[in-house]
């Protein structure tokens, strides 16, 4: 069956089941919105899928990686047909299969200092799902300068409960003085200017982060805190202490091998909802949720910086 449908009719079809949820004005805002999604793996792929099916009219997608067989257990766009292909290109094709009228751009080199302002040009909401801290520093700085709200989500803490997830919103649009991730971590880069954030500096940030994570993981295992890594026997962790743990951010047992498909999928859905809420001016929410126990944690003490998209201070335990 060939596709023959006008843009107007396609959007009507996309929104057919939500006409009692969204007003005409809401749907117009979604179609007019531009969202940048950086990192298109397990979480990022779900966000792309949710947003194109929400009727977002313009997506900017970035990821320098290609799909590998080990991605197939959790990444929506990893299939036998996409292995070895760039994630941004595959995501772009998927978006156009769903909505050929959506404007979609693929940045196959990923977000970098040299292209971040180009990627964020005209963007209403920025989604950060990259794996490395240095790129987060770049995105937070650029988003705050351009006053673009930023959304990020992941498992809560590391080491930490493998089944607990969290989603954050930095509303740089209405509160540009909001503390960035770089400032929260009190990184030594805070005192550097944009020009001083050289590639050598950014590489050093990532190396130091990896070293600190490795030490933290080793300390947890040595202390016997097996629960930090889920339901993994302590003796198994100890046997691996001098093996896979050598490369915390690459093929490491405790980082890359403690992910089950429902975890990133749920994070991606929650992030996509926050993106929609920001676009529509609705109150945003920061989540910390235990998926196994169905427990929503009280995170009010952690979230003094979060504000709602509408500009008024939100209840801190939502």
C-alpha atoms as a PDB file:
ATOM      1  CA  UNK A   1       0.000   0.000   0.000  1.00  0.00           C
ATOM      2  CA  UNK A   2       1.544   3.309  -1.083  1.00  0.00           C
ATOM      3  CA  UNK A   3       1.376   6.364   1.144  1.00  0.00           C
ATOM      4  CA  UNK A   4      -1.066   8.956  -0.118  1.00  0.00           C
ATOM      5  CA  UNK A   5      -2.140  11.404   2.582  1.00  0.00           C
ATOM      6  CA  UNK A   6      -1.864  15.148   2.884  1.00  0.00           C
ATOM      7  CA  UNK A   7       0.084  16.696   5.734  1.00  0.00           C
ATOM      8  CA  UNK A   8      -3.107  17.966   7.335  1.00  0.00           C
ATOM      9  CA  UNK A   9      -4.800  14.567   7.225  1.00  0.00           C
ATOM     10  CA  UNK A  10      -1.719  12.766   8.544  1.00  0.00           C
ATOM     11  CA  UNK A  11      -1.508  15.030  11.582  1.00  0.00           C
ATOM     12  CA  UNK A  12      -5.232  14.602  12.128  1.00  0.00           C
ATOM     13  CA  UNK A  13      -4.661  10.835  12.113  1.00  0.00           C
ATOM     14  CA  UNK A  14      -1.712  11.078  14.530  1.00  0.00           C
ATOM     15  CA  UNK A  15      -3.804  13.098  16.970  1.00  0.00           C
ATOM     16  CA  UNK A  16      -7.106  11.270  16.429  1.00  0.00           C
ATOM     17  CA  UNK A  17      -7.049   9.485  19.796  1.00  0.00           C
ATOM     18  CA  UNK A  18      -6.008  12.507  21.853  1.00  0.00           C
ATOM     19  CA  UNK A  19      -8.535  15.127  20.791  1.00  0.00           C
ATOM     20  CA  UNK A  20     -10.036  15.051  24.302  1.00  0.00           C
ATOM     21  CA  UNK A  21      -6.599  15.397  25.875  1.00  0.00           C
ATOM     22  CA  UNK A  22      -5.017  18.133  23.756  1.00  0.00           C
ATOM     23  CA  UNK A  23      -6.643  21.329  22.512  1.00  0.00           C
ATOM     24  CA  UNK A  24      -6.227  22.654  18.978  1.00  0.00           C
ATOM     25  CA  UNK A  25      -3.758  25.169  20.403  1.00  0.00           C
ATOM     26  CA  UNK A  26      -1.774  22.367  22.081  1.00  0.00           C
ATOM     27  CA  UNK A  27      -1.505  20.417  18.857  1.00  0.00           C
ATOM     28  CA  UNK A  28      -0.427  23.516  16.968  1.00  0.00           C
ATOM     29  CA  UNK A  29       2.353  24.087  19.505  1.00  0.00           C
ATOM     30  CA  UNK A  30       3.601  20.506  19.162  1.00  0.00           C
ATOM     31  CA  UNK A  31       3.720  20.696  15.392  1.00  0.00           C
ATOM     32  CA  UNK A  32       5.573  24.018  15.524  1.00  0.00           C
ATOM     33  CA  UNK A  33       8.123  22.774  18.086  1.00  0.00           C
ATOM     34  CA  UNK A  34      11.744  21.821  17.486  1.00  0.00           C
ATOM     35  CA  UNK A  35      13.409  19.281  19.784  1.00  0.00           C
ATOM     36  CA  UNK A  36      17.067  18.253  19.811  1.00  0.00           C
ATOM     37  CA  UNK A  37      17.780  14.707  21.003  1.00  0.00           C
ATOM     38  CA  UNK A  38      21.423  13.875  21.607  1.00  0.00           C
ATOM     39  CA  UNK A  39      22.287  10.226  22.192  1.00  0.00           C
ATOM     40  CA  UNK A  40      20.024   7.758  20.378  1.00  0.00           C
ATOM     41  CA  UNK A  41      20.570   4.516  22.239  1.00  0.00           C
ATOM     42  CA  UNK A  42      18.172   2.780  24.609  1.00  0.00           C
ATOM     43  CA  UNK A  43      16.655   5.939  26.080  1.00  0.00           C
ATOM     44  CA  UNK A  44      17.127   8.279  23.123  1.00  0.00           C
ATOM     45  CA  UNK A  45      15.486   5.956  20.613  1.00  0.00           C
ATOM     46  CA  UNK A  46      12.346   5.699  22.723  1.00  0.00           C
ATOM     47  CA  UNK A  47      12.224   9.495  23.046  1.00  0.00           C
ATOM     48  CA  UNK A  48      12.417   9.919  19.268  1.00  0.00           C
ATOM     49  CA  UNK A  49       9.614   7.400  18.743  1.00  0.00           C
ATOM     50  CA  UNK A  50       7.382   9.012  21.358  1.00  0.00           C
ATOM     51  CA  UNK A  51       7.907  12.547  20.093  1.00  0.00           C
ATOM     52  CA  UNK A  52       7.302  11.866  16.405  1.00  0.00           C
ATOM     53  CA  UNK A  53       4.091  10.055  17.387  1.00  0.00           C
ATOM     54  CA  UNK A  54       3.173  13.059  19.540  1.00  0.00           C
ATOM     55  CA  UNK A  55       3.200  15.241  16.435  1.00  0.00           C
ATOM     56  CA  UNK A  56       6.437  17.168  17.015  1.00  0.00           C
ATOM     57  CA  UNK A  57       7.155  18.917  13.730  1.00  0.00           C
ATOM     58  CA  UNK A  58      10.952  19.232  13.784  1.00  0.00           C
ATOM     59  CA  UNK A  59      13.570  16.905  15.275  1.00  0.00           C
ATOM     60  CA  UNK A  60      17.347  17.334  15.416  1.00  0.00           C
ATOM     61  CA  UNK A  61      19.038  13.997  16.130  1.00  0.00           C
ATOM     62  CA  UNK A  62      22.700  13.463  16.969  1.00  0.00           C
ATOM     63  CA  UNK A  63      24.804  10.386  17.691  1.00  0.00           C
ATOM     64  CA  UNK A  64      28.237   9.380  16.326  1.00  0.00           C
ATOM     65  CA  UNK A  65      27.833   5.666  17.157  1.00  0.00           C
ATOM     66  CA  UNK A  66      26.694   2.723  15.047  1.00  0.00           C
ATOM     67  CA  UNK A  67      24.385  -0.085  16.106  1.00  0.00           C
ATOM     68  CA  UNK A  68      26.038  -3.228  17.427  1.00  0.00           C
ATOM     69  CA  UNK A  69      24.567  -6.686  18.187  1.00  0.00           C
ATOM     70  CA  UNK A  70      24.685  -5.985  21.942  1.00  0.00           C
ATOM     71  CA  UNK A  71      22.292  -3.057  21.404  1.00  0.00           C
ATOM     72  CA  UNK A  72      19.471  -5.336  20.281  1.00  0.00           C
ATOM     73  CA  UNK A  73      18.372  -6.230  23.792  1.00  0.00           C
ATOM     74  CA  UNK A  74      17.340  -2.703  24.693  1.00  0.00           C
ATOM     75  CA  UNK A  75      17.631  -0.186  21.816  1.00  0.00           C
ATOM     76  CA  UNK A  76      14.467   0.260  19.763  1.00  0.00           C
ATOM     77  CA  UNK A  77      16.184   0.971  16.454  1.00  0.00           C
ATOM     78  CA  UNK A  78      18.772  -1.810  16.722  1.00  0.00           C
ATOM     79  CA  UNK A  79      17.672  -4.614  14.360  1.00  0.00           C
ATOM     80  CA  UNK A  80      19.383  -7.140  12.136  1.00  0.00           C
ATOM     81  CA  UNK A  81      18.959  -4.655   9.287  1.00  0.00           C
ATOM     82  CA  UNK A  82      20.494  -1.659  11.079  1.00  0.00           C
ATOM     83  CA  UNK A  83      23.629  -3.265  12.546  1.00  0.00           C
ATOM     84  CA  UNK A  84      26.733  -1.282  11.623  1.00  0.00           C
ATOM     85  CA  UNK A  85      24.722   1.784  10.627  1.00  0.00           C
ATOM     86  CA  UNK A  86      24.891   5.210  12.262  1.00  0.00           C
ATOM     87  CA  UNK A  87      22.201   5.661  14.913  1.00  0.00           C
ATOM     88  CA  UNK A  88      21.252   9.195  13.863  1.00  0.00           C
ATOM     89  CA  UNK A  89      20.690   8.148  10.238  1.00  0.00           C
ATOM     90  CA  UNK A  90      18.617   5.131  11.262  1.00  0.00           C
ATOM     91  CA  UNK A  91      16.510   7.259  13.614  1.00  0.00           C
ATOM     92  CA  UNK A  92      15.975   9.824  10.881  1.00  0.00           C
ATOM     93  CA  UNK A  93      14.691   7.156   8.503  1.00  0.00           C
ATOM     94  CA  UNK A  94      12.379   5.805  11.180  1.00  0.00           C
ATOM     95  CA  UNK A  95      10.907   9.248  11.845  1.00  0.00           C
ATOM     96  CA  UNK A  96      10.155   9.751   8.147  1.00  0.00           C
ATOM     97  CA  UNK A  97       8.518   6.322   7.926  1.00  0.00           C
ATOM     98  CA  UNK A  98       6.065   7.471  10.593  1.00  0.00           C
ATOM     99  CA  UNK A  99       5.672  11.083   9.466  1.00  0.00           C
ATOM    100  CA  UNK A 100       7.230  12.063   6.132  1.00  0.00           C
ATOM    101  CA  UNK A 101       6.210  15.659   6.784  1.00  0.00           C
ATOM    102  CA  UNK A 102       8.344  15.941   9.924  1.00  0.00           C
ATOM    103  CA  UNK A 103      11.495  17.994   9.453  1.00  0.00           C
ATOM    104  CA  UNK A 104      14.347  15.857  10.724  1.00  0.00           C
ATOM    105  CA  UNK A 105      18.100  16.427  10.686  1.00  0.00           C
ATOM    106  CA  UNK A 106      20.761  13.850  11.524  1.00  0.00           C
ATOM    107  CA  UNK A 107      24.126  14.857  12.993  1.00  0.00           C
ATOM    108  CA  UNK A 108      26.276  11.774  12.549  1.00  0.00           C
ATOM    109  CA  UNK A 109      29.316  13.220  14.337  1.00  0.00           C
ATOM    110  CA  UNK A 110      27.339  13.707  17.533  1.00  0.00           C
ATOM    111  CA  UNK A 111      27.250  16.858  19.637  1.00  0.00           C
ATOM    112  CA  UNK A 112      30.604  18.618  19.861  1.00  0.00           C
ATOM    113  CA  UNK A 113      31.877  21.983  20.943  1.00  0.00           C
ATOM    114  CA  UNK A 114      32.219  22.945  17.274  1.00  0.00           C
ATOM    115  CA  UNK A 115      28.615  22.152  16.319  1.00  0.00           C
ATOM    116  CA  UNK A 116      26.541  22.498  19.491  1.00  0.00           C
ATOM    117  CA  UNK A 117      25.259  25.994  18.696  1.00  0.00           C
ATOM    118  CA  UNK A 118      24.323  24.866  15.180  1.00  0.00           C
ATOM    119  CA  UNK A 119      22.425  21.890  16.576  1.00  0.00           C
ATOM    120  CA  UNK A 120      20.607  24.082  19.108  1.00  0.00           C
ATOM    121  CA  UNK A 121      19.681  26.829  16.650  1.00  0.00           C
ATOM    122  CA  UNK A 122      15.885  27.263  16.803  1.00  0.00           C
ATOM    123  CA  UNK A 123      15.462  24.470  19.367  1.00  0.00           C
ATOM    124  CA  UNK A 124      12.666  24.656  21.955  1.00  0.00           C
ATOM    125  CA  UNK A 125      13.803  21.751  24.169  1.00  0.00           C
ATOM    126  CA  UNK A 126      17.143  19.953  24.409  1.00  0.00           C
ATOM    127  CA  UNK A 127      17.344  16.288  25.453  1.00  0.00           C
ATOM    128  CA  UNK A 128      20.695  15.039  26.788  1.00  0.00           C
ATOM    129  CA  UNK A 129      21.238  11.279  26.598  1.00  0.00           C
ATOM    130  CA  UNK A 130      24.955  11.167  25.798  1.00  0.00           C
ATOM    131  CA  UNK A 131      27.327   8.873  27.676  1.00  0.00           C
ATOM    132  CA  UNK A 132      30.203  11.226  28.433  1.00  0.00           C
ATOM    133  CA  UNK A 133      30.393  14.073  30.940  1.00  0.00           C
ATOM    134  CA  UNK A 134      32.380  16.422  28.697  1.00  0.00           C
ATOM    135  CA  UNK A 135      29.525  16.560  26.171  1.00  0.00           C
ATOM    136  CA  UNK A 136      27.087  17.283  28.969  1.00  0.00           C
ATOM    137  CA  UNK A 137      29.192  20.251  30.034  1.00  0.00           C
ATOM    138  CA  UNK A 138      29.060  21.573  26.476  1.00  0.00           C
ATOM    139  CA  UNK A 139      25.312  21.114  26.141  1.00  0.00           C
ATOM    140  CA  UNK A 140      24.495  22.674  29.514  1.00  0.00           C
ATOM    141  CA  UNK A 141      26.629  25.721  28.800  1.00  0.00           C
ATOM    142  CA  UNK A 142      25.145  26.202  25.337  1.00  0.00           C
ATOM    143  CA  UNK A 143      21.574  25.575  26.527  1.00  0.00           C
ATOM    144  CA  UNK A 144      21.883  28.120  29.319  1.00  0.00           C
ATOM    145  CA  UNK A 145      23.404  30.721  26.999  1.00  0.00           C
ATOM    146  CA  UNK A 146      20.596  30.161  24.481  1.00  0.00           C
ATOM    147  CA  UNK A 147      17.965  29.823  27.252  1.00  0.00           C
ATOM    148  CA  UNK A 148      16.778  26.390  26.145  1.00  0.00           C
ATOM    149  CA  UNK A 149      15.214  23.969  28.680  1.00  0.00           C
ATOM    150  CA  UNK A 150      17.236  20.763  29.057  1.00  0.00           C
ATOM    151  CA  UNK A 151      15.887  17.330  30.042  1.00  0.00           C
ATOM    152  CA  UNK A 152      17.929  14.295  31.074  1.00  0.00           C
ATOM    153  CA  UNK A 153      17.113  10.910  32.548  1.00  0.00           C
ATOM    154  CA  UNK A 154      18.897   7.724  33.583  1.00  0.00           C
ATOM    155  CA  UNK A 155      19.146   5.137  36.316  1.00  0.00           C
ATOM    156  CA  UNK A 156      19.433   6.842  39.686  1.00  0.00           C
ATOM    157  CA  UNK A 157      23.003   6.862  40.903  1.00  0.00           C
ATOM    158  CA  UNK A 158      25.994   4.679  40.149  1.00  0.00           C
ATOM    159  CA  UNK A 159      26.592   2.518  41.995  1.00  0.00           C
ATOM    160  CA  UNK A 160      22.933   2.470  42.879  1.00  0.00           C
ATOM    161  CA  UNK A 161      19.716   0.510  42.587  1.00  0.00           C
ATOM    162  CA  UNK A 162      19.649  -0.843  39.044  1.00  0.00           C
ATOM    163  CA  UNK A 163      15.851  -0.586  38.965  1.00  0.00           C
ATOM    164  CA  UNK A 164      15.488   3.002  40.131  1.00  0.00           C
ATOM    165  CA  UNK A 165      15.250   5.702  37.486  1.00  0.00           C
ATOM    166  CA  UNK A 166      15.274   9.480  37.574  1.00  0.00           C
ATOM    167  CA  UNK A 167      14.373  12.314  35.206  1.00  0.00           C
ATOM    168  CA  UNK A 168      15.559  15.926  35.634  1.00  0.00           C
ATOM    169  CA  UNK A 169      14.525  19.230  34.052  1.00  0.00           C
ATOM    170  CA  UNK A 170      16.766  22.311  33.892  1.00  0.00           C
ATOM    171  CA  UNK A 171      14.532  25.215  32.898  1.00  0.00           C
ATOM    172  CA  UNK A 172      17.136  27.548  31.447  1.00  0.00           C
ATOM    173  CA  UNK A 173      14.438  29.322  29.440  1.00  0.00           C
ATOM    174  CA  UNK A 174      12.720  30.925  32.423  1.00  0.00           C
ATOM    175  CA  UNK A 175      15.583  30.564  34.918  1.00  0.00           C
ATOM    176  CA  UNK A 176      18.929  31.001  33.150  1.00  0.00           C
ATOM    177  CA  UNK A 177      20.661  31.284  36.532  1.00  0.00           C
ATOM    178  CA  UNK A 178      19.714  27.651  37.239  1.00  0.00           C
ATOM    179  CA  UNK A 179      22.709  25.631  38.404  1.00  0.00           C
ATOM    180  CA  UNK A 180      24.109  23.501  35.587  1.00  0.00           C
ATOM    181  CA  UNK A 181      25.269  19.898  35.852  1.00  0.00           C
ATOM    182  CA  UNK A 182      28.865  21.162  35.744  1.00  0.00           C
ATOM    183  CA  UNK A 183      28.179  23.449  38.714  1.00  0.00           C
ATOM    184  CA  UNK A 184      26.288  20.762  40.639  1.00  0.00           C
ATOM    185  CA  UNK A 185      29.302  18.485  40.369  1.00  0.00           C
ATOM    186  CA  UNK A 186      31.554  21.414  41.316  1.00  0.00           C
ATOM    187  CA  UNK A 187      33.911  20.503  38.499  1.00  0.00           C
ATOM    188  CA  UNK A 188      37.196  22.352  38.171  1.00  0.00           C
ATOM    189  CA  UNK A 189      36.080  23.407  34.681  1.00  0.00           C
ATOM    190  CA  UNK A 190      33.504  25.820  36.148  1.00  0.00           C
ATOM    191  CA  UNK A 191      36.100  28.592  36.200  1.00  0.00           C
ATOM    192  CA  UNK A 192      37.067  28.105  32.567  1.00  0.00           C
ATOM    193  CA  UNK A 193      35.771  30.191  29.700  1.00  0.00           C
ATOM    194  CA  UNK A 194      34.231  28.613  26.611  1.00  0.00           C
ATOM    195  CA  UNK A 195      37.469  29.102  24.666  1.00  0.00           C
ATOM    196  CA  UNK A 196      39.418  27.425  27.475  1.00  0.00           C
ATOM    197  CA  UNK A 197      37.329  24.264  27.134  1.00  0.00           C
ATOM    198  CA  UNK A 198      39.799  22.725  24.711  1.00  0.00           C
ATOM    199  CA  UNK A 199      39.650  19.133  23.521  1.00  0.00           C
ATOM    200  CA  UNK A 200      42.477  18.279  25.894  1.00  0.00           C
ATOM    201  CA  UNK A 201      40.516  19.736  28.805  1.00  0.00           C
ATOM    202  CA  UNK A 202      37.357  17.855  27.837  1.00  0.00           C
ATOM    203  CA  UNK A 203      39.274  14.592  27.464  1.00  0.00           C
ATOM    204  CA  UNK A 204      40.795  15.119  30.904  1.00  0.00           C
ATOM    205  CA  UNK A 205      37.307  15.566  32.388  1.00  0.00           C
ATOM    206  CA  UNK A 206      36.212  12.218  30.970  1.00  0.00           C
ATOM    207  CA  UNK A 207      39.364  10.440  32.087  1.00  0.00           C
ATOM    208  CA  UNK A 208      39.031  11.767  35.626  1.00  0.00           C
ATOM    209  CA  UNK A 209      35.359  10.815  35.720  1.00  0.00           C
ATOM    210  CA  UNK A 210      36.148   7.275  34.566  1.00  0.00           C
ATOM    211  CA  UNK A 211      38.919   6.925  37.148  1.00  0.00           C
ATOM    212  CA  UNK A 212      36.674   8.164  39.959  1.00  0.00           C
ATOM    213  CA  UNK A 213      33.893   5.802  38.899  1.00  0.00           C
ATOM    214  CA  UNK A 214      36.271   2.860  38.828  1.00  0.00           C
ATOM    215  CA  UNK A 215      37.440   3.628  42.360  1.00  0.00           C
ATOM    216  CA  UNK A 216      33.864   3.999  43.571  1.00  0.00           C
ATOM    217  CA  UNK A 217      32.843   0.669  42.084  1.00  0.00           C
ATOM    218  CA  UNK A 218      35.827  -1.122  43.579  1.00  0.00           C
ATOM    219  CA  UNK A 219      35.111   0.393  46.988  1.00  0.00           C
ATOM    220  CA  UNK A 220      31.479  -0.766  46.883  1.00  0.00           C
ATOM    221  CA  UNK A 221      32.490  -4.329  46.035  1.00  0.00           C
ATOM    222  CA  UNK A 222      35.247  -4.470  48.620  1.00  0.00           C
ATOM    223  CA  UNK A 223      32.792  -3.238  51.276  1.00  0.00           C
ATOM    224  CA  UNK A 224      30.437  -6.056  50.275  1.00  0.00           C
ATOM    225  CA  UNK A 225      27.702  -3.799  48.935  1.00  0.00           C
ATOM    226  CA  UNK A 226      26.411  -6.238  46.331  1.00  0.00           C
ATOM    227  CA  UNK A 227      22.974  -4.594  46.483  1.00  0.00           C
ATOM    228  CA  UNK A 228      24.467  -1.572  44.714  1.00  0.00           C
ATOM    229  CA  UNK A 229      24.559  -3.656  41.540  1.00  0.00           C
ATOM    230  CA  UNK A 230      21.161  -5.315  41.763  1.00  0.00           C
ATOM    231  CA  UNK A 231      20.595  -8.953  42.657  1.00  0.00           C
ATOM    232  CA  UNK A 232      24.150 -10.045  41.825  1.00  0.00           C
ATOM    233  CA  UNK A 233      25.910 -12.413  44.285  1.00  0.00           C
ATOM    234  CA  UNK A 234      28.782 -10.829  46.183  1.00  0.00           C
ATOM    235  CA  UNK A 235      31.157 -13.673  45.292  1.00  0.00           C
ATOM    236  CA  UNK A 236      30.496 -13.129  41.591  1.00  0.00           C
ATOM    237  CA  UNK A 237      31.255  -9.424  41.883  1.00  0.00           C
ATOM    238  CA  UNK A 238      34.438 -10.156  43.803  1.00  0.00           C
ATOM    239  CA  UNK A 239      35.580 -12.646  41.165  1.00  0.00           C
ATOM    240  CA  UNK A 240      35.179  -9.955  38.509  1.00  0.00           C
ATOM    241  CA  UNK A 241      36.839  -7.194  40.489  1.00  0.00           C
ATOM    242  CA  UNK A 242      40.090  -7.378  38.564  1.00  0.00           C
ATOM    243  CA  UNK A 243      38.529  -8.308  35.255  1.00  0.00           C
ATOM    244  CA  UNK A 244      35.758  -6.403  33.518  1.00  0.00           C
ATOM    245  CA  UNK A 245      35.975  -3.527  35.946  1.00  0.00           C
ATOM    246  CA  UNK A 246      39.100  -2.131  34.291  1.00  0.00           C
ATOM    247  CA  UNK A 247      37.132  -0.083  31.762  1.00  0.00           C
ATOM    248  CA  UNK A 248      34.112   1.450  33.531  1.00  0.00           C
ATOM    249  CA  UNK A 249      32.711   3.307  30.517  1.00  0.00           C
ATOM    250  CA  UNK A 250      33.399   0.783  27.797  1.00  0.00           C
ATOM    251  CA  UNK A 251      32.684  -2.936  28.092  1.00  0.00           C
ATOM    252  CA  UNK A 252      32.349  -3.019  31.821  1.00  0.00           C
ATOM    253  CA  UNK A 253      30.236  -5.609  33.642  1.00  0.00           C
ATOM    254  CA  UNK A 254      28.849  -3.104  36.125  1.00  0.00           C
ATOM    255  CA  UNK A 255      27.959  -0.302  33.738  1.00  0.00           C
ATOM    256  CA  UNK A 256      27.037  -1.844  30.410  1.00  0.00           C
ATOM    257  CA  UNK A 257      25.782  -5.169  31.728  1.00  0.00           C
ATOM    258  CA  UNK A 258      23.324  -4.021  34.366  1.00  0.00           C
ATOM    259  CA  UNK A 259      20.602  -2.790  32.000  1.00  0.00           C
ATOM    260  CA  UNK A 260      17.286  -4.521  31.297  1.00  0.00           C
ATOM    261  CA  UNK A 261      15.148  -3.300  28.414  1.00  0.00           C
ATOM    262  CA  UNK A 262      12.251  -1.942  30.499  1.00  0.00           C
ATOM    263  CA  UNK A 263      14.577   0.408  32.382  1.00  0.00           C
ATOM    264  CA  UNK A 264      15.685   2.684  29.497  1.00  0.00           C
ATOM    265  CA  UNK A 265      12.291   2.363  27.827  1.00  0.00           C
ATOM    266  CA  UNK A 266      10.509   3.734  30.884  1.00  0.00           C
ATOM    267  CA  UNK A 267      13.015   6.560  31.258  1.00  0.00           C
ATOM    268  CA  UNK A 268      12.514   7.493  27.601  1.00  0.00           C
ATOM    269  CA  UNK A 269       8.739   7.644  27.952  1.00  0.00           C
ATOM    270  CA  UNK A 270       8.959   9.872  31.027  1.00  0.00           C
ATOM    271  CA  UNK A 271      11.443  12.206  29.325  1.00  0.00           C
ATOM    272  CA  UNK A 272       9.255  12.520  26.237  1.00  0.00           C
ATOM    273  CA  UNK A 273       6.339  13.490  28.457  1.00  0.00           C
ATOM    274  CA  UNK A 274       8.417  16.213  30.143  1.00  0.00           C
ATOM    275  CA  UNK A 275       9.396  17.530  26.705  1.00  0.00           C
ATOM    276  CA  UNK A 276       5.734  17.774  25.704  1.00  0.00           C
ATOM    277  CA  UNK A 277       4.858  19.483  28.988  1.00  0.00           C
ATOM    278  CA  UNK A 278       7.586  22.088  28.483  1.00  0.00           C
ATOM    279  CA  UNK A 279       6.369  22.823  24.951  1.00  0.00           C
ATOM    280  CA  UNK A 280       2.788  23.203  26.141  1.00  0.00           C
ATOM    281  CA  UNK A 281       3.731  25.288  29.181  1.00  0.00           C
ATOM    282  CA  UNK A 282       2.491  22.657  31.628  1.00  0.00           C
ATOM    283  CA  UNK A 283       3.996  22.000  35.038  1.00  0.00           C
ATOM    284  CA  UNK A 284       7.068  19.784  34.809  1.00  0.00           C
ATOM    285  CA  UNK A 285       7.932  16.923  37.138  1.00  0.00           C
ATOM    286  CA  UNK A 286      11.170  15.389  38.354  1.00  0.00           C
ATOM    287  CA  UNK A 287      10.882  11.651  38.836  1.00  0.00           C
ATOM    288  CA  UNK A 288      12.771   9.218  41.034  1.00  0.00           C
ATOM    289  CA  UNK A 289      10.973   5.924  40.708  1.00  0.00           C
ATOM    290  CA  UNK A 290      11.724   2.352  41.806  1.00  0.00           C
ATOM    291  CA  UNK A 291      10.322   0.247  38.966  1.00  0.00           C
ATOM    292  CA  UNK A 292      10.261  -3.031  40.898  1.00  0.00           C
ATOM    293  CA  UNK A 293       8.590  -1.680  44.023  1.00  0.00           C
ATOM    294  CA  UNK A 294       6.465   0.939  42.298  1.00  0.00           C
ATOM    295  CA  UNK A 295       7.800   3.469  44.789  1.00  0.00           C
ATOM    296  CA  UNK A 296       8.012   7.191  44.011  1.00  0.00           C
ATOM    297  CA  UNK A 297      10.758   8.728  46.128  1.00  0.00           C
ATOM    298  CA  UNK A 298      10.519  12.082  47.895  1.00  0.00           C
ATOM    299  CA  UNK A 299      13.206  14.073  46.124  1.00  0.00           C
ATOM    300  CA  UNK A 300      12.192  17.527  47.328  1.00  0.00           C
ATOM    301  CA  UNK A 301      15.472  18.091  49.169  1.00  0.00           C
ATOM    302  CA  UNK A 302      17.438  17.417  45.999  1.00  0.00           C
ATOM    303  CA  UNK A 303      15.422  19.609  43.683  1.00  0.00           C
ATOM    304  CA  UNK A 304      15.539  23.180  44.877  1.00  0.00           C
ATOM    305  CA  UNK A 305      16.661  24.335  41.414  1.00  0.00           C
ATOM    306  CA  UNK A 306      13.798  22.882  39.376  1.00  0.00           C
ATOM    307  CA  UNK A 307      11.091  25.204  38.142  1.00  0.00           C
ATOM    308  CA  UNK A 308       8.016  24.656  36.008  1.00  0.00           C
ATOM    309  CA  UNK A 309       7.966  25.623  32.363  1.00  0.00           C
ATOM    310  CA  UNK A 310       5.292  28.239  33.012  1.00  0.00           C
ATOM    311  CA  UNK A 311       7.714  30.186  35.175  1.00  0.00           C
ATOM    312  CA  UNK A 312       6.234  29.803  38.648  1.00  0.00           C
ATOM    313  CA  UNK A 313       7.805  27.669  41.336  1.00  0.00           C
ATOM    314  CA  UNK A 314       6.333  24.178  41.307  1.00  0.00           C
ATOM    315  CA  UNK A 315       5.496  21.939  44.286  1.00  0.00           C
ATOM    316  CA  UNK A 316       8.757  20.194  45.027  1.00  0.00           C
ATOM    317  CA  UNK A 317       7.353  16.731  45.656  1.00  0.00           C
ATOM    318  CA  UNK A 318       5.541  15.883  42.403  1.00  0.00           C
END
